[in-house]
Amino acid sequence: MPIKFTGRMIASAIAGFEAQKRQIDAEIAELRGVGKEFGPATPEPVSDSTKPSRRKISAASRKQMGLAQQKRWAAKRSESLPETPKAPVAKKARRKMSAPAKANMIAAIKKRWAEKRAAAKKTA
């Protein structure tokens, strides 16, 4: 069964909360007064001392570690893959454009650029 609040109950609750608010405000003011003695409140800088420092590894050591890792991977691949000689794959020959086709292409490009320059000159 829901509780029915009366006007008197609500008024007394409000009065109690206002009294608590005045008490809290007084305590805040007191703390601010004490804080002025020590200067302006500034947050403490966060130090990186909580993080462990990372080791510095020389370039020679990194190269040595990389070579060792490549050697491990090569050994692992050779275990998993059977040796099958592959025939060398011939490179696909590049197609050559005929001289007349190349000339036509160059003429078309020159024509387009001439039209573009003319249009730009016209608008400017």
Protein backbone atom coordinates (compact mmCIF):
# COMPACT_ATOMS: atom_id res chain seq x y z
CA MET A 1 0.00 0.00 0.00
CA PRO A 2 1.52 3.34 -1.06
CA ILE A 3 2.41 5.88 1.62
CA LYS A 4 0.36 9.07 1.53
CA PHE A 5 2.34 12.20 2.20
CA THR A 6 0.70 15.12 3.88
CA GLY A 7 1.60 18.76 3.41
CA ARG A 8 3.08 18.84 6.91
CA MET A 9 5.38 15.87 6.14
CA ILE A 10 6.62 17.47 2.92
CA ALA A 11 7.22 20.82 4.62
CA SER A 12 9.25 19.21 7.41
CA ALA A 13 11.30 17.22 4.88
CA ILE A 14 12.10 20.40 2.97
CA ALA A 15 13.08 22.18 6.20
CA GLY A 16 15.40 19.29 7.13
CA PHE A 17 17.09 19.29 3.75
CA GLU A 18 17.54 23.07 3.84
CA ALA A 19 19.19 22.76 7.25
CA GLN A 20 21.55 20.10 5.89
CA LYS A 21 22.33 22.36 2.92
CA ARG A 22 23.18 25.30 5.21
CA GLN A 23 25.45 23.05 7.28
CA ILE A 24 27.24 21.75 4.17
CA ASP A 25 27.64 25.30 2.78
CA ALA A 26 29.16 26.43 6.11
CA GLU A 27 31.65 23.52 6.04
CA ILE A 28 32.59 24.30 2.41
CA ALA A 29 33.19 27.96 3.30
CA GLU A 30 35.35 26.91 6.25
CA LEU A 31 37.44 24.64 4.03
CA ARG A 32 37.86 27.39 1.45
CA GLY A 33 39.09 29.72 4.19
CA VAL A 34 41.65 27.15 5.30
CA GLY A 35 42.70 26.54 1.69
CA LYS A 36 43.58 30.23 1.16
CA GLU A 37 46.41 29.88 3.66
CA PHE A 38 48.13 27.37 1.36
CA GLY A 39 47.67 29.28 -1.89
CA PRO A 40 45.43 28.54 -4.88
CA ALA A 41 44.23 24.99 -5.23
CA THR A 42 45.94 23.34 -8.20
CA PRO A 43 45.59 19.71 -9.11
CA GLU A 44 48.59 17.50 -8.45
CA PRO A 45 50.51 16.67 -11.62
CA VAL A 46 50.10 13.10 -12.66
CA SER A 47 53.48 11.40 -12.60
CA ASP A 48 54.48 8.71 -15.01
CA SER A 49 56.27 6.88 -12.21
CA THR A 50 53.39 4.39 -12.05
CA LYS A 51 54.28 3.16 -15.54
CA PRO A 52 57.28 0.89 -15.77
CA SER A 53 60.01 2.34 -17.96
CA ARG A 54 60.49 0.63 -21.28
CA ARG A 55 63.82 -0.95 -22.09
CA LYS A 56 65.83 0.64 -24.84
CA ILE A 57 67.06 -1.90 -27.36
CA SER A 58 69.88 -1.02 -29.71
CA ALA A 59 69.42 -1.18 -33.47
CA ALA A 60 71.93 -4.03 -33.69
CA SER A 61 70.01 -6.06 -31.11
CA ARG A 62 66.70 -5.40 -32.89
CA LYS A 63 68.24 -6.58 -36.17
CA GLN A 64 69.61 -9.70 -34.49
CA MET A 65 66.20 -10.43 -32.95
CA GLY A 66 64.53 -9.95 -36.34
CA LEU A 67 66.94 -12.35 -38.05
CA ALA A 68 66.37 -14.94 -35.32
CA GLN A 69 62.60 -14.63 -35.75
CA GLN A 70 62.92 -15.04 -39.52
CA LYS A 71 65.02 -18.15 -38.96
CA ARG A 72 62.37 -19.59 -36.61
CA TRP A 73 59.58 -18.93 -39.09
CA ALA A 74 61.58 -20.44 -41.94
CA ALA A 75 62.15 -23.58 -39.89
CA LYS A 76 58.45 -23.78 -39.02
CA ARG A 77 57.43 -23.36 -42.68
CA SER A 78 59.87 -26.01 -43.84
CA GLU A 79 58.40 -28.48 -41.34
CA SER A 80 54.82 -27.84 -42.39
CA LEU A 81 55.33 -27.66 -46.17
CA PRO A 82 56.69 -30.58 -48.17
CA GLU A 83 59.48 -29.76 -50.59
CA THR A 84 58.00 -29.39 -54.06
CA PRO A 85 60.14 -27.80 -56.72
CA LYS A 86 58.26 -25.11 -58.58
CA ALA A 87 58.83 -24.39 -62.24
CA PRO A 88 59.96 -20.83 -62.85
CA VAL A 89 57.08 -18.68 -64.02
CA ALA A 90 57.85 -16.72 -67.16
CA LYS A 91 56.99 -13.05 -67.04
CA LYS A 92 54.11 -12.07 -69.25
CA ALA A 93 55.37 -10.06 -72.20
CA ARG A 94 54.18 -6.46 -72.23
CA ARG A 95 52.11 -5.48 -75.21
CA LYS A 96 53.48 -2.75 -77.45
CA MET A 97 51.35 -0.02 -78.88
CA SER A 98 51.65 0.53 -82.59
CA ALA A 99 53.10 3.81 -83.80
CA PRO A 100 49.85 5.01 -85.48
CA ALA A 101 47.83 4.22 -82.34
CA LYS A 102 50.31 6.13 -80.19
CA ALA A 103 50.20 9.09 -82.58
CA ASN A 104 46.37 9.12 -82.47
CA MET A 105 46.45 9.07 -78.69
CA ILE A 106 48.92 11.95 -78.47
CA ALA A 107 46.86 14.01 -80.95
CA ALA A 108 43.67 13.44 -78.93
CA ILE A 109 45.40 14.47 -75.68
CA LYS A 110 46.78 17.65 -77.29
CA LYS A 111 43.32 18.47 -78.67
CA ARG A 112 41.70 18.05 -75.22
CA TRP A 113 44.32 20.25 -73.55
CA ALA A 114 43.91 22.93 -76.22
CA GLU A 115 40.13 22.94 -75.64
CA LYS A 116 40.65 23.15 -71.88
CA ARG A 117 43.09 26.07 -72.19
CA ALA A 118 40.71 27.88 -74.56
CA ALA A 119 37.83 27.43 -72.10
CA ALA A 120 39.96 28.68 -69.22
CA LYS A 121 41.07 31.71 -71.26
CA LYS A 122 37.46 32.41 -72.19
CA THR A 123 36.27 32.43 -68.55
CA ALA A 124 39.24 34.52 -67.35
